[in-house]
Amino acid sequence: MRKLGFTEGQNLTIEHRPTGEGVAKAFTGANELVAAKVDVILADGPEIALQAATAARPVVPVVMLANNYNPFDRGYVKTLVEPGGNVTGVFYRQQELAAKQIELLVEAFPTRTRLGVLWDSVSEDTFQSAERAAQAMRLSLRPVKLEKPPHDFEAAFRMPSAGRIRQCFGPVKPRIHSTSHSDC
């Protein structure tokens, strides 16, 4: 931003509102940003961030970083080239990548037929894509749903549904991958 002539505290103000503390707080935070007369809202991460930003009134431009949901399928944008409305941004194609990553696991470890999948409510679309890919490749899927963050990975691997997992897949998402875990 400095190269473009912006300096925080002089001609740039960055306001942050968390979206991981529940739906009501996400929507309240987006409305607070609009009330503060921001020029743009960055909706980063889970879909709730974009839902809250697009619901805030009056309407302001929204830049999305869509992760673990498809903004086209959900109707937020028409295309990335011509999104329409007040939303533009980046879409991480996690659903397609999940299927490819499962395929690569099968190629790398062809004798392993049991696959653990770490997922939570935020990564449900990506989990469903991984599930379809695993079924198509005749893998025995062991879904391990992670509940409220911070995630307790050790407890998740002790769950009966985890079984004897020899390989695992975790949809790309900051909360899962920012936590170091030696078992996966």
C-alpha atoms as a PDB file:
ATOM      1  CA  MET A   1       0.000   0.000   0.000  1.00  0.00           C
ATOM      2  CA  ARG A   2       2.940   2.330   0.651  1.00  0.00           C
ATOM      3  CA  LYS A   3       4.055   2.019  -2.960  1.00  0.00           C
ATOM      4  CA  LEU A   4       0.622   3.342  -3.915  1.00  0.00           C
ATOM      5  CA  GLY A   5       0.975   6.306  -1.547  1.00  0.00           C
ATOM      6  CA  PHE A   6      -1.039   4.999   1.397  1.00  0.00           C
ATOM      7  CA  THR A   7       0.203   5.171   4.997  1.00  0.00           C
ATOM      8  CA  GLU A   8      -1.846   3.794   7.850  1.00  0.00           C
ATOM      9  CA  GLY A   9      -2.801   6.539  10.271  1.00  0.00           C
ATOM     10  CA  GLN A  10      -2.318   9.284   7.677  1.00  0.00           C
ATOM     11  CA  ASN A  11      -4.479   8.535   4.650  1.00  0.00           C
ATOM     12  CA  LEU A  12      -5.417   4.914   5.371  1.00  0.00           C
ATOM     13  CA  THR A  13      -7.437   3.465   8.217  1.00  0.00           C
ATOM     14  CA  ILE A  14      -7.928  -0.266   8.646  1.00  0.00           C
ATOM     15  CA  GLU A  15     -10.893  -1.370  10.750  1.00  0.00           C
ATOM     16  CA  HIS A  16     -11.283  -5.029  11.720  1.00  0.00           C
ATOM     17  CA  ARG A  17     -14.398  -6.869  12.828  1.00  0.00           C
ATOM     18  CA  PRO A  18     -14.216 -10.612  13.617  1.00  0.00           C
ATOM     19  CA  THR A  19     -16.549 -13.060  11.901  1.00  0.00           C
ATOM     20  CA  GLY A  20     -15.666 -16.150  13.910  1.00  0.00           C
ATOM     21  CA  GLU A  21     -17.718 -15.183  16.953  1.00  0.00           C
ATOM     22  CA  GLY A  22     -21.144 -16.022  15.613  1.00  0.00           C
ATOM     23  CA  VAL A  23     -23.614 -14.835  13.023  1.00  0.00           C
ATOM     24  CA  ALA A  24     -25.008 -11.932  15.058  1.00  0.00           C
ATOM     25  CA  LYS A  25     -21.559 -10.477  15.730  1.00  0.00           C
ATOM     26  CA  ALA A  26     -20.556 -10.814  12.077  1.00  0.00           C
ATOM     27  CA  PHE A  27     -23.624  -8.862  10.927  1.00  0.00           C
ATOM     28  CA  THR A  28     -23.202  -6.283  13.702  1.00  0.00           C
ATOM     29  CA  GLY A  29     -19.553  -5.849  12.740  1.00  0.00           C
ATOM     30  CA  ALA A  30     -20.372  -5.274   9.065  1.00  0.00           C
ATOM     31  CA  ASN A  31     -23.018  -2.683   9.988  1.00  0.00           C
ATOM     32  CA  GLU A  32     -20.505  -0.951  12.285  1.00  0.00           C
ATOM     33  CA  LEU A  33     -18.058  -0.725   9.374  1.00  0.00           C
ATOM     34  CA  VAL A  34     -20.706   0.817   7.122  1.00  0.00           C
ATOM     35  CA  ALA A  35     -21.695   3.250   9.882  1.00  0.00           C
ATOM     36  CA  ALA A  36     -18.012   4.243  10.150  1.00  0.00           C
ATOM     37  CA  LYS A  37     -18.260   5.196   6.440  1.00  0.00           C
ATOM     38  CA  VAL A  38     -15.608   2.796   5.174  1.00  0.00           C
ATOM     39  CA  ASP A  39     -14.841   2.965   1.469  1.00  0.00           C
ATOM     40  CA  VAL A  40     -14.658  -0.810   1.014  1.00  0.00           C
ATOM     41  CA  ILE A  41     -15.178  -3.994   3.058  1.00  0.00           C
ATOM     42  CA  LEU A  42     -12.805  -6.929   2.697  1.00  0.00           C
ATOM     43  CA  ALA A  43     -14.801 -10.123   3.339  1.00  0.00           C
ATOM     44  CA  ASP A  44     -12.078 -12.689   3.973  1.00  0.00           C
ATOM     45  CA  GLY A  45     -12.592 -16.362   4.713  1.00  0.00           C
ATOM     46  CA  PRO A  46     -15.840 -18.099   5.527  1.00  0.00           C
ATOM     47  CA  GLU A  47     -19.114 -17.308   3.815  1.00  0.00           C
ATOM     48  CA  ILE A  48     -20.522 -15.531   6.865  1.00  0.00           C
ATOM     49  CA  ALA A  49     -18.059 -12.673   6.225  1.00  0.00           C
ATOM     50  CA  LEU A  50     -19.488 -12.123   2.737  1.00  0.00           C
ATOM     51  CA  GLN A  51     -23.086 -12.611   3.881  1.00  0.00           C
ATOM     52  CA  ALA A  52     -22.655  -9.928   6.527  1.00  0.00           C
ATOM     53  CA  ALA A  53     -20.827  -7.521   4.205  1.00  0.00           C
ATOM     54  CA  THR A  54     -23.436  -7.781   1.445  1.00  0.00           C
ATOM     55  CA  ALA A  55     -26.330  -7.391   3.886  1.00  0.00           C
ATOM     56  CA  ALA A  56     -24.935  -4.195   5.459  1.00  0.00           C
ATOM     57  CA  ARG A  57     -26.708  -0.965   4.525  1.00  0.00           C
ATOM     58  CA  PRO A  58     -26.082   1.400   2.905  1.00  0.00           C
ATOM     59  CA  VAL A  59     -24.330  -0.659   0.220  1.00  0.00           C
ATOM     60  CA  VAL A  60     -20.540  -0.289  -0.043  1.00  0.00           C
ATOM     61  CA  PRO A  61     -18.111  -2.087  -2.357  1.00  0.00           C
ATOM     62  CA  VAL A  62     -17.082  -5.532  -1.082  1.00  0.00           C
ATOM     63  CA  VAL A  63     -13.890  -7.368  -1.982  1.00  0.00           C
ATOM     64  CA  MET A  64     -14.239 -11.071  -1.170  1.00  0.00           C
ATOM     65  CA  LEU A  65     -11.589 -13.670  -0.557  1.00  0.00           C
ATOM     66  CA  ALA A  66     -13.935 -16.644  -0.842  1.00  0.00           C
ATOM     67  CA  ASN A  67     -12.591 -19.793   0.755  1.00  0.00           C
ATOM     68  CA  ASN A  68     -14.490 -23.093   1.154  1.00  0.00           C
ATOM     69  CA  TYR A  69     -17.630 -21.926  -0.629  1.00  0.00           C
ATOM     70  CA  ASN A  70     -18.469 -21.129  -4.228  1.00  0.00           C
ATOM     71  CA  PRO A  71     -19.628 -17.511  -4.668  1.00  0.00           C
ATOM     72  CA  PHE A  72     -21.014 -18.305  -8.150  1.00  0.00           C
ATOM     73  CA  ASP A  73     -23.212 -21.169  -6.934  1.00  0.00           C
ATOM     74  CA  ARG A  74     -24.411 -19.032  -4.015  1.00  0.00           C
ATOM     75  CA  GLY A  75     -25.344 -16.097  -6.282  1.00  0.00           C
ATOM     76  CA  TYR A  76     -22.958 -13.457  -4.927  1.00  0.00           C
ATOM     77  CA  VAL A  77     -21.290 -12.849  -8.299  1.00  0.00           C
ATOM     78  CA  LYS A  78     -22.049 -13.672 -11.931  1.00  0.00           C
ATOM     79  CA  THR A  79     -18.424 -14.068 -13.073  1.00  0.00           C
ATOM     80  CA  LEU A  80     -15.053 -12.884 -11.817  1.00  0.00           C
ATOM     81  CA  VAL A  81     -14.596 -10.784 -14.954  1.00  0.00           C
ATOM     82  CA  GLU A  82     -18.000  -9.105 -14.618  1.00  0.00           C
ATOM     83  CA  PRO A  83     -19.240  -9.870 -11.117  1.00  0.00           C
ATOM     84  CA  GLY A  84     -22.176  -7.438 -11.150  1.00  0.00           C
ATOM     85  CA  GLY A  85     -23.472  -5.726  -8.045  1.00  0.00           C
ATOM     86  CA  ASN A  86     -21.064  -4.478  -5.392  1.00  0.00           C
ATOM     87  CA  VAL A  87     -18.962  -7.644  -4.907  1.00  0.00           C
ATOM     88  CA  THR A  88     -15.683  -8.552  -6.570  1.00  0.00           C
ATOM     89  CA  GLY A  89     -12.626 -10.461  -5.455  1.00  0.00           C
ATOM     90  CA  VAL A  90     -10.892 -13.807  -5.417  1.00  0.00           C
ATOM     91  CA  PHE A  91     -12.381 -17.298  -5.283  1.00  0.00           C
ATOM     92  CA  TYR A  92     -10.146 -20.091  -4.013  1.00  0.00           C
ATOM     93  CA  ARG A  93     -11.493 -23.103  -5.885  1.00  0.00           C
ATOM     94  CA  GLN A  94     -11.198 -25.417  -2.897  1.00  0.00           C
ATOM     95  CA  GLN A  95     -13.942 -27.809  -3.996  1.00  0.00           C
ATOM     96  CA  GLU A  96     -12.131 -28.631  -7.239  1.00  0.00           C
ATOM     97  CA  LEU A  97      -8.763 -28.764  -5.501  1.00  0.00           C
ATOM     98  CA  ALA A  98     -10.106 -31.161  -2.875  1.00  0.00           C
ATOM     99  CA  ALA A  99     -11.036 -33.735  -5.522  1.00  0.00           C
ATOM    100  CA  LYS A 100      -7.634 -33.384  -7.184  1.00  0.00           C
ATOM    101  CA  GLN A 101      -5.805 -33.707  -3.854  1.00  0.00           C
ATOM    102  CA  ILE A 102      -7.697 -36.919  -3.069  1.00  0.00           C
ATOM    103  CA  GLU A 103      -6.752 -38.242  -6.513  1.00  0.00           C
ATOM    104  CA  LEU A 104      -3.086 -37.432  -5.827  1.00  0.00           C
ATOM    105  CA  LEU A 105      -3.241 -39.226  -2.458  1.00  0.00           C
ATOM    106  CA  VAL A 106      -4.587 -42.336  -4.194  1.00  0.00           C
ATOM    107  CA  GLU A 107      -1.803 -42.197  -6.780  1.00  0.00           C
ATOM    108  CA  ALA A 108       0.866 -41.680  -4.118  1.00  0.00           C
ATOM    109  CA  PHE A 109      -0.477 -44.371  -1.759  1.00  0.00           C
ATOM    110  CA  PRO A 110      -2.457 -46.857  -3.884  1.00  0.00           C
ATOM    111  CA  THR A 111      -2.615 -49.564  -1.184  1.00  0.00           C
ATOM    112  CA  ARG A 112      -4.194 -47.295   1.420  1.00  0.00           C
ATOM    113  CA  THR A 113      -7.941 -47.400   1.167  1.00  0.00           C
ATOM    114  CA  ARG A 114      -8.982 -45.624   4.370  1.00  0.00           C
ATOM    115  CA  LEU A 115      -8.971 -41.826   4.283  1.00  0.00           C
ATOM    116  CA  GLY A 116      -9.608 -39.496   7.180  1.00  0.00           C
ATOM    117  CA  VAL A 117     -11.058 -36.090   6.342  1.00  0.00           C
ATOM    118  CA  LEU A 118     -10.822 -33.267   8.851  1.00  0.00           C
ATOM    119  CA  TRP A 119     -13.602 -30.742   8.367  1.00  0.00           C
ATOM    120  CA  ASP A 120     -15.858 -28.308  10.157  1.00  0.00           C
ATOM    121  CA  SER A 121     -19.005 -26.352   9.365  1.00  0.00           C
ATOM    122  CA  VAL A 122     -17.024 -23.669   7.502  1.00  0.00           C
ATOM    123  CA  SER A 123     -15.432 -26.199   5.140  1.00  0.00           C
ATOM    124  CA  GLU A 124     -18.578 -28.275   4.537  1.00  0.00           C
ATOM    125  CA  ASP A 125     -18.725 -27.620   0.757  1.00  0.00           C
ATOM    126  CA  THR A 126     -15.103 -28.711   0.381  1.00  0.00           C
ATOM    127  CA  PHE A 127     -15.758 -31.766   2.559  1.00  0.00           C
ATOM    128  CA  GLN A 128     -18.678 -32.768   0.313  1.00  0.00           C
ATOM    129  CA  SER A 129     -16.435 -32.491  -2.749  1.00  0.00           C
ATOM    130  CA  ALA A 130     -13.765 -34.619  -1.035  1.00  0.00           C
ATOM    131  CA  GLU A 131     -16.438 -37.128  -0.025  1.00  0.00           C
ATOM    132  CA  ARG A 132     -17.680 -37.502  -3.626  1.00  0.00           C
ATOM    133  CA  ALA A 133     -14.095 -37.916  -4.886  1.00  0.00           C
ATOM    134  CA  ALA A 134     -13.309 -40.527  -2.221  1.00  0.00           C
ATOM    135  CA  GLN A 135     -16.454 -42.514  -3.069  1.00  0.00           C
ATOM    136  CA  ALA A 136     -15.631 -42.394  -6.793  1.00  0.00           C
ATOM    137  CA  MET A 137     -12.179 -43.809  -5.999  1.00  0.00           C
ATOM    138  CA  ARG A 138     -13.639 -46.481  -3.691  1.00  0.00           C
ATOM    139  CA  LEU A 139     -11.969 -45.158  -0.556  1.00  0.00           C
ATOM    140  CA  SER A 140     -13.357 -45.870   2.871  1.00  0.00           C
ATOM    141  CA  LEU A 141     -13.963 -42.384   4.218  1.00  0.00           C
ATOM    142  CA  ARG A 142     -13.570 -41.547   7.899  1.00  0.00           C
ATOM    143  CA  PRO A 143     -14.923 -38.025   8.360  1.00  0.00           C
ATOM    144  CA  VAL A 144     -13.730 -36.296  11.507  1.00  0.00           C
ATOM    145  CA  LYS A 145     -15.781 -33.190  12.197  1.00  0.00           C
ATOM    146  CA  LEU A 146     -13.944 -30.570  14.180  1.00  0.00           C
ATOM    147  CA  GLU A 147     -16.161 -28.587  16.505  1.00  0.00           C
ATOM    148  CA  LYS A 148     -15.679 -25.115  17.973  1.00  0.00           C
ATOM    149  CA  PRO A 149     -12.223 -23.569  17.429  1.00  0.00           C
ATOM    150  CA  PRO A 150      -9.588 -23.785  18.646  1.00  0.00           C
ATOM    151  CA  HIS A 151      -9.818 -27.336  17.367  1.00  0.00           C
ATOM    152  CA  ASP A 152      -8.730 -30.205  19.588  1.00  0.00           C
ATOM    153  CA  PHE A 153      -7.019 -32.434  17.032  1.00  0.00           C
ATOM    154  CA  GLU A 154      -5.965 -35.076  19.533  1.00  0.00           C
ATOM    155  CA  ALA A 155      -9.530 -35.550  20.714  1.00  0.00           C
ATOM    156  CA  ALA A 156     -10.693 -35.702  17.081  1.00  0.00           C
ATOM    157  CA  PHE A 157      -8.273 -38.535  16.323  1.00  0.00           C
ATOM    158  CA  ARG A 158      -9.463 -40.445  19.391  1.00  0.00           C
ATOM    159  CA  MET A 159     -13.068 -40.360  18.131  1.00  0.00           C
ATOM    160  CA  PRO A 160     -14.484 -43.749  17.108  1.00  0.00           C
ATOM    161  CA  SER A 161     -15.241 -42.387  13.617  1.00  0.00           C
ATOM    162  CA  ALA A 162     -11.520 -41.779  13.095  1.00  0.00           C
ATOM    163  CA  GLY A 163     -10.821 -45.524  13.189  1.00  0.00           C
ATOM    164  CA  ARG A 164      -7.291 -46.403  12.161  1.00  0.00           C
ATOM    165  CA  ILE A 165      -6.556 -43.575   9.764  1.00  0.00           C
ATOM    166  CA  ARG A 166      -3.380 -44.112   7.748  1.00  0.00           C
ATOM    167  CA  GLN A 167      -3.744 -40.961   5.666  1.00  0.00           C
ATOM    168  CA  CYS A 168      -5.796 -37.821   6.079  1.00  0.00           C
ATOM    169  CA  PHE A 169      -6.970 -34.797   4.186  1.00  0.00           C
ATOM    170  CA  GLY A 170      -7.894 -31.424   5.626  1.00  0.00           C
ATOM    171  CA  PRO A 171      -9.640 -28.823   3.482  1.00  0.00           C
ATOM    172  CA  VAL A 172      -7.432 -25.760   3.184  1.00  0.00           C
ATOM    173  CA  LYS A 173      -8.514 -23.212   5.671  1.00  0.00           C
ATOM    174  CA  PRO A 174      -6.493 -20.905   7.898  1.00  0.00           C
ATOM    175  CA  ARG A 175      -7.720 -22.291  11.220  1.00  0.00           C
ATOM    176  CA  ILE A 176      -6.880 -25.885  10.321  1.00  0.00           C
ATOM    177  CA  HIS A 177      -3.534 -25.271   8.674  1.00  0.00           C
ATOM    178  CA  SER A 178      -2.247 -22.627  11.066  1.00  0.00           C
ATOM    179  CA  THR A 179      -2.294 -25.242  13.806  1.00  0.00           C
ATOM    180  CA  SER A 180       0.642 -27.616  13.822  1.00  0.00           C
ATOM    181  CA  HIS A 181      -0.334 -31.233  14.274  1.00  0.00           C
ATOM    182  CA  SER A 182       2.025 -34.126  13.994  1.00  0.00           C
ATOM    183  CA  ASP A 183      -0.597 -36.873  13.498  1.00  0.00           C
ATOM    184  CA  CYS A 184      -1.843 -35.622  10.150  1.00  0.00           C
END
